Amino acid sequence: MYAALWRILPGPWWVRLFLLLVLVALVLTACVLWVFPWVNEIVAPTEATVE
Protein backbone atom coordinates (compact mmCIF):
# COMPACT_ATOMS: atom_id res chain seq x y z
CA MET A 1 0.00 0.00 0.00
CA TYR A 2 2.76 2.44 0.89
CA ALA A 3 4.65 1.66 -2.29
CA ALA A 4 1.54 2.34 -4.37
CA LEU A 5 1.02 5.66 -2.58
CA TRP A 6 4.66 6.56 -3.17
CA ARG A 7 4.32 5.81 -6.91
CA ILE A 8 1.12 7.88 -7.21
CA LEU A 9 2.64 11.04 -5.73
CA PRO A 10 4.20 13.34 -8.35
CA GLY A 11 7.69 14.83 -8.42
CA PRO A 12 11.13 13.90 -7.13
CA TRP A 13 11.60 12.10 -3.81
CA TRP A 14 11.80 15.29 -1.71
CA VAL A 15 8.50 16.59 -3.13
CA ARG A 16 6.90 13.20 -2.52
CA LEU A 17 8.19 13.23 1.06
CA PHE A 18 6.80 16.72 1.65
CA LEU A 19 3.41 15.78 0.18
CA LEU A 20 3.32 12.61 2.26
CA LEU A 21 4.06 14.57 5.45
CA VAL A 22 1.32 17.07 4.60
CA LEU A 23 -1.15 14.24 3.96
CA VAL A 24 -0.28 12.57 7.26
CA ALA A 25 -0.70 15.88 9.09
CA LEU A 26 -4.11 16.41 7.46
CA VAL A 27 -5.29 12.92 8.37
CA LEU A 28 -4.14 13.29 11.98
CA THR A 29 -5.78 16.71 12.24
CA ALA A 30 -9.07 15.36 10.89
CA CYS A 31 -8.92 12.49 13.37
CA VAL A 32 -8.31 14.79 16.33
CA LEU A 33 -10.94 17.36 15.34
CA TRP A 34 -13.79 15.15 14.12
CA VAL A 35 -13.28 11.40 14.43
CA PHE A 36 -12.03 11.10 18.02
CA PRO A 37 -14.72 13.37 19.55
CA TRP A 38 -17.42 11.50 17.64
CA VAL A 39 -16.12 8.13 18.83
CA ASN A 40 -15.79 9.46 22.39
CA GLU A 41 -19.50 10.32 22.47
CA ILE A 42 -20.38 6.80 21.36
CA VAL A 43 -17.96 4.82 23.52
CA ALA A 44 -17.58 6.83 26.71
CA PRO A 45 -20.24 6.27 29.34
CA THR A 46 -22.01 9.46 30.31
CA GLU A 47 -23.01 8.33 33.80
CA ALA A 48 -20.10 6.87 35.67
CA THR A 49 -19.83 6.58 39.44
CA VAL A 50 -16.76 5.87 41.48
CA GLU A 51 -17.28 4.29 44.86
PDB file of N, CA and C in Angstrom:
ATOM      1  N   MET A   1       0.819  -1.180   0.000  1.00  0.00           N
ATOM      2  CA  MET A   1       0.000   0.000   0.000  1.00  0.00           C
ATOM      3  C   MET A   1       0.868   1.251   0.000  1.00  0.00           C
ATOM      4  N   TYR A   2       1.903   1.264   0.819  1.00  0.00           N
ATOM      5  CA  TYR A   2       2.764   2.436   0.892  1.00  0.00           C
ATOM      6  C   TYR A   2       3.533   2.634  -0.406  1.00  0.00           C
ATOM      7  N   ALA A   3       3.942   1.554  -1.026  1.00  0.00           N
ATOM      8  CA  ALA A   3       4.653   1.665  -2.294  1.00  0.00           C
ATOM      9  C   ALA A   3       3.742   2.222  -3.377  1.00  0.00           C
ATOM     10  N   ALA A   4       2.487   1.805  -3.388  1.00  0.00           N
ATOM     11  CA  ALA A   4       1.541   2.335  -4.370  1.00  0.00           C
ATOM     12  C   ALA A   4       1.305   3.825  -4.143  1.00  0.00           C
ATOM     13  N   LEU A   5       1.190   4.241  -2.888  1.00  0.00           N
ATOM     14  CA  LEU A   5       1.021   5.661  -2.582  1.00  0.00           C
ATOM     15  C   LEU A   5       2.253   6.443  -3.018  1.00  0.00           C
ATOM     16  N   TRP A   6       3.425   5.894  -2.786  1.00  0.00           N
ATOM     17  CA  TRP A   6       4.664   6.560  -3.170  1.00  0.00           C
ATOM     18  C   TRP A   6       4.738   6.723  -4.686  1.00  0.00           C
ATOM     19  N   ARG A   7       4.288   5.720  -5.435  1.00  0.00           N
ATOM     20  CA  ARG A   7       4.318   5.813  -6.908  1.00  0.00           C
ATOM     21  C   ARG A   7       3.293   6.787  -7.439  1.00  0.00           C
ATOM     22  N   ILE A   8       2.172   6.984  -6.736  1.00  0.00           N
ATOM     23  CA  ILE A   8       1.122   7.878  -7.208  1.00  0.00           C
ATOM     24  C   ILE A   8       1.521   9.341  -7.058  1.00  0.00           C
ATOM     25  N   LEU A   9       2.271   9.654  -5.995  1.00  0.00           N
ATOM     26  CA  LEU A   9       2.641  11.040  -5.732  1.00  0.00           C
ATOM     27  C   LEU A   9       3.590  11.552  -6.814  1.00  0.00           C
ATOM     28  N   PRO A  10       3.367  12.799  -7.270  1.00  0.00           N
ATOM     29  CA  PRO A  10       4.203  13.340  -8.349  1.00  0.00           C
ATOM     30  C   PRO A  10       5.499  13.947  -7.827  1.00  0.00           C
ATOM     31  N   GLY A  11       6.469  14.096  -8.716  1.00  0.00           N
ATOM     32  CA  GLY A  11       7.688  14.825  -8.418  1.00  0.00           C
ATOM     33  C   GLY A  11       8.830  13.964  -7.942  1.00  0.00           C
ATOM     34  N   PRO A  12       9.973  14.628  -7.670  1.00  0.00           N
ATOM     35  CA  PRO A  12      11.128  13.900  -7.125  1.00  0.00           C
ATOM     36  C   PRO A  12      10.870  13.450  -5.696  1.00  0.00           C
ATOM     37  N   TRP A  13      11.814  12.725  -5.121  1.00  0.00           N
ATOM     38  CA  TRP A  13      11.600  12.105  -3.809  1.00  0.00           C
ATOM     39  C   TRP A  13      11.335  13.135  -2.722  1.00  0.00           C
ATOM     40  N   TRP A  14      11.984  14.313  -2.773  1.00  0.00           N
ATOM     41  CA  TRP A  14      11.798  15.294  -1.709  1.00  0.00           C
ATOM     42  C   TRP A  14      10.422  15.940  -1.786  1.00  0.00           C
ATOM     43  N   VAL A  15       9.861  16.071  -2.993  1.00  0.00           N
ATOM     44  CA  VAL A  15       8.498  16.590  -3.131  1.00  0.00           C
ATOM     45  C   VAL A  15       7.508  15.543  -2.648  1.00  0.00           C
ATOM     46  N   ARG A  16       7.760  14.289  -2.989  1.00  0.00           N
ATOM     47  CA  ARG A  16       6.901  13.198  -2.517  1.00  0.00           C
ATOM     48  C   ARG A  16       6.900  13.124  -0.998  1.00  0.00           C
ATOM     49  N   LEU A  17       8.085  13.274  -0.399  1.00  0.00           N
ATOM     50  CA  LEU A  17       8.189  13.229   1.056  1.00  0.00           C
ATOM     51  C   LEU A  17       7.410  14.378   1.689  1.00  0.00           C
ATOM     52  N   PHE A  18       7.528  15.575   1.139  1.00  0.00           N
ATOM     53  CA  PHE A  18       6.798  16.725   1.646  1.00  0.00           C
ATOM     54  C   PHE A  18       5.290  16.506   1.529  1.00  0.00           C
ATOM     55  N   LEU A  19       4.828  16.039   0.375  1.00  0.00           N
ATOM     56  CA  LEU A  19       3.405  15.779   0.182  1.00  0.00           C
ATOM     57  C   LEU A  19       2.905  14.703   1.137  1.00  0.00           C
ATOM     58  N   LEU A  20       3.705  13.683   1.350  1.00  0.00           N
ATOM     59  CA  LEU A  20       3.322  12.611   2.263  1.00  0.00           C
ATOM     60  C   LEU A  20       3.206  13.124   3.692  1.00  0.00           C
ATOM     61  N   LEU A  21       4.131  13.988   4.114  1.00  0.00           N
ATOM     62  CA  LEU A  21       4.059  14.566   5.453  1.00  0.00           C
ATOM     63  C   LEU A  21       2.841  15.470   5.607  1.00  0.00           C
ATOM     64  N   VAL A  22       2.513  16.225   4.563  1.00  0.00           N
ATOM     65  CA  VAL A  22       1.322  17.073   4.600  1.00  0.00           C
ATOM     66  C   VAL A  22       0.066  16.216   4.684  1.00  0.00           C
ATOM     67  N   LEU A  23       0.008  15.132   3.912  1.00  0.00           N
ATOM     68  CA  LEU A  23      -1.149  14.244   3.956  1.00  0.00           C
ATOM     69  C   LEU A  23      -1.309  13.594   5.325  1.00  0.00           C
ATOM     70  N   VAL A  24      -0.221  13.171   5.927  1.00  0.00           N
ATOM     71  CA  VAL A  24      -0.279  12.569   7.257  1.00  0.00           C
ATOM     72  C   VAL A  24      -0.757  13.600   8.277  1.00  0.00           C
ATOM     73  N   ALA A  25      -0.261  14.827   8.174  1.00  0.00           N
ATOM     74  CA  ALA A  25      -0.696  15.882   9.093  1.00  0.00           C
ATOM     75  C   ALA A  25      -2.184  16.166   8.933  1.00  0.00           C
ATOM     76  N   LEU A  26      -2.682  16.176   7.705  1.00  0.00           N
ATOM     77  CA  LEU A  26      -4.107  16.411   7.465  1.00  0.00           C
ATOM     78  C   LEU A  26      -4.970  15.287   8.025  1.00  0.00           C
ATOM     79  N   VAL A  27      -4.534  14.067   7.853  1.00  0.00           N
ATOM     80  CA  VAL A  27      -5.295  12.923   8.371  1.00  0.00           C
ATOM     81  C   VAL A  27      -5.319  12.950   9.898  1.00  0.00           C
ATOM     82  N   LEU A  28      -4.184  13.225  10.519  1.00  0.00           N
ATOM     83  CA  LEU A  28      -4.144  13.289  11.979  1.00  0.00           C
ATOM     84  C   LEU A  28      -4.996  14.440  12.515  1.00  0.00           C
ATOM     85  N   THR A  29      -4.958  15.579  11.828  1.00  0.00           N
ATOM     86  CA  THR A  29      -5.779  16.711  12.238  1.00  0.00           C
ATOM     87  C   THR A  29      -7.266  16.383  12.130  1.00  0.00           C
ATOM     88  N   ALA A  30      -7.664  15.741  11.051  1.00  0.00           N
ATOM     89  CA  ALA A  30      -9.067  15.356  10.885  1.00  0.00           C
ATOM     90  C   ALA A  30      -9.487  14.371  11.968  1.00  0.00           C
ATOM     91  N   CYS A  31      -8.598  13.443  12.314  1.00  0.00           N
ATOM     92  CA  CYS A  31      -8.925  12.486  13.374  1.00  0.00           C
ATOM     93  C   CYS A  31      -9.121  13.192  14.706  1.00  0.00           C
ATOM     94  N   VAL A  32      -8.228  14.110  15.044  1.00  0.00           N
ATOM     95  CA  VAL A  32      -8.311  14.789  16.333  1.00  0.00           C
ATOM     96  C   VAL A  32      -9.532  15.700  16.405  1.00  0.00           C
ATOM     97  N   LEU A  33      -9.853  16.381  15.314  1.00  0.00           N
ATOM     98  CA  LEU A  33     -10.942  17.356  15.338  1.00  0.00           C
ATOM     99  C   LEU A  33     -12.327  16.737  15.201  1.00  0.00           C
ATOM    100  N   TRP A  34     -12.454  15.662  14.403  1.00  0.00           N
ATOM    101  CA  TRP A  34     -13.788  15.150  14.116  1.00  0.00           C
ATOM    102  C   TRP A  34     -14.004  13.689  14.501  1.00  0.00           C
ATOM    103  N   VAL A  35     -13.064  12.832  14.214  1.00  0.00           N
ATOM    104  CA  VAL A  35     -13.276  11.396  14.432  1.00  0.00           C
ATOM    105  C   VAL A  35     -13.224  11.041  15.910  1.00  0.00           C
ATOM    106  N   PHE A  36     -12.173  11.466  16.619  1.00  0.00           N
ATOM    107  CA  PHE A  36     -12.031  11.096  18.025  1.00  0.00           C
ATOM    108  C   PHE A  36     -13.155  11.646  18.897  1.00  0.00           C
ATOM    109  N   PRO A  37     -13.576  12.918  18.736  1.00  0.00           N
ATOM    110  CA  PRO A  37     -14.718  13.375  19.552  1.00  0.00           C
ATOM    111  C   PRO A  37     -16.001  12.610  19.253  1.00  0.00           C
ATOM    112  N   TRP A  38     -16.234  12.265  18.009  1.00  0.00           N
ATOM    113  CA  TRP A  38     -17.424  11.499  17.643  1.00  0.00           C
ATOM    114  C   TRP A  38     -17.391  10.114  18.282  1.00  0.00           C
ATOM    115  N   VAL A  39     -16.253   9.456  18.231  1.00  0.00           N
ATOM    116  CA  VAL A  39     -16.121   8.128  18.827  1.00  0.00           C
ATOM    117  C   VAL A  39     -16.232   8.227  20.349  1.00  0.00           C
ATOM    118  N   ASN A  40     -15.716   9.287  20.937  1.00  0.00           N
ATOM    119  CA  ASN A  40     -15.791   9.458  22.388  1.00  0.00           C
ATOM    120  C   ASN A  40     -17.242   9.559  22.858  1.00  0.00           C
ATOM    121  N   GLU A  41     -18.089  10.228  22.096  1.00  0.00           N
ATOM    122  CA  GLU A  41     -19.502  10.316  22.466  1.00  0.00           C
ATOM    123  C   GLU A  41     -20.183   8.954  22.414  1.00  0.00           C
ATOM    124  N   ILE A  42     -19.770   8.119  21.518  1.00  0.00           N
ATOM    125  CA  ILE A  42     -20.385   6.799  21.364  1.00  0.00           C
ATOM    126  C   ILE A  42     -19.866   5.823  22.416  1.00  0.00           C
ATOM    127  N   VAL A  43     -18.583   5.838  22.669  1.00  0.00           N
ATOM    128  CA  VAL A  43     -17.957   4.824  23.515  1.00  0.00           C
ATOM    129  C   VAL A  43     -17.981   5.185  24.994  1.00  0.00           C
ATOM    130  N   ALA A  44     -17.712   6.432  25.310  1.00  0.00           N
ATOM    131  CA  ALA A  44     -17.579   6.826  26.712  1.00  0.00           C
ATOM    132  C   ALA A  44     -18.931   6.809  27.413  1.00  0.00           C
ATOM    133  N   PRO A  45     -19.006   6.221  28.581  1.00  0.00           N
ATOM    134  CA  PRO A  45     -20.244   6.270  29.345  1.00  0.00           C
ATOM    135  C   PRO A  45     -20.483   7.673  29.888  1.00  0.00           C
ATOM    136  N   THR A  46     -21.718   8.117  29.837  1.00  0.00           N
ATOM    137  CA  THR A  46     -22.012   9.460  30.310  1.00  0.00           C
ATOM    138  C   THR A  46     -22.280   9.496  31.807  1.00  0.00           C
ATOM    139  N   GLU A  47     -22.737   8.386  32.363  1.00  0.00           N
ATOM    140  CA  GLU A  47     -23.013   8.328  33.797  1.00  0.00           C
ATOM    141  C   GLU A  47     -22.114   7.291  34.440  1.00  0.00           C
ATOM    142  N   ALA A  48     -21.039   7.774  35.017  1.00  0.00           N
ATOM    143  CA  ALA A  48     -20.096   6.872  35.672  1.00  0.00           C
ATOM    144  C   ALA A  48     -19.979   7.286  37.138  1.00  0.00           C
ATOM    145  N   THR A  49     -20.000   6.303  38.021  1.00  0.00           N
ATOM    146  CA  THR A  49     -19.835   6.584  39.442  1.00  0.00           C
ATOM    147  C   THR A  49     -18.623   5.830  39.961  1.00  0.00           C
ATOM    148  N   VAL A  50     -17.922   6.493  40.843  1.00  0.00           N
ATOM    149  CA  VAL A  50     -16.763   5.870  41.480  1.00  0.00           C
ATOM    150  C   VAL A  50     -17.083   5.724  42.946  1.00  0.00           C
ATOM    151  N   GLU A  51     -16.959   4.521  43.445  1.00  0.00           N
ATOM    152  CA  GLU A  51     -17.283   4.292  44.859  1.00  0.00           C
ATOM    153  C   GLU A  51     -16.041   4.030  45.660  1.00  0.00           C
TER     154      GLU A  51
END
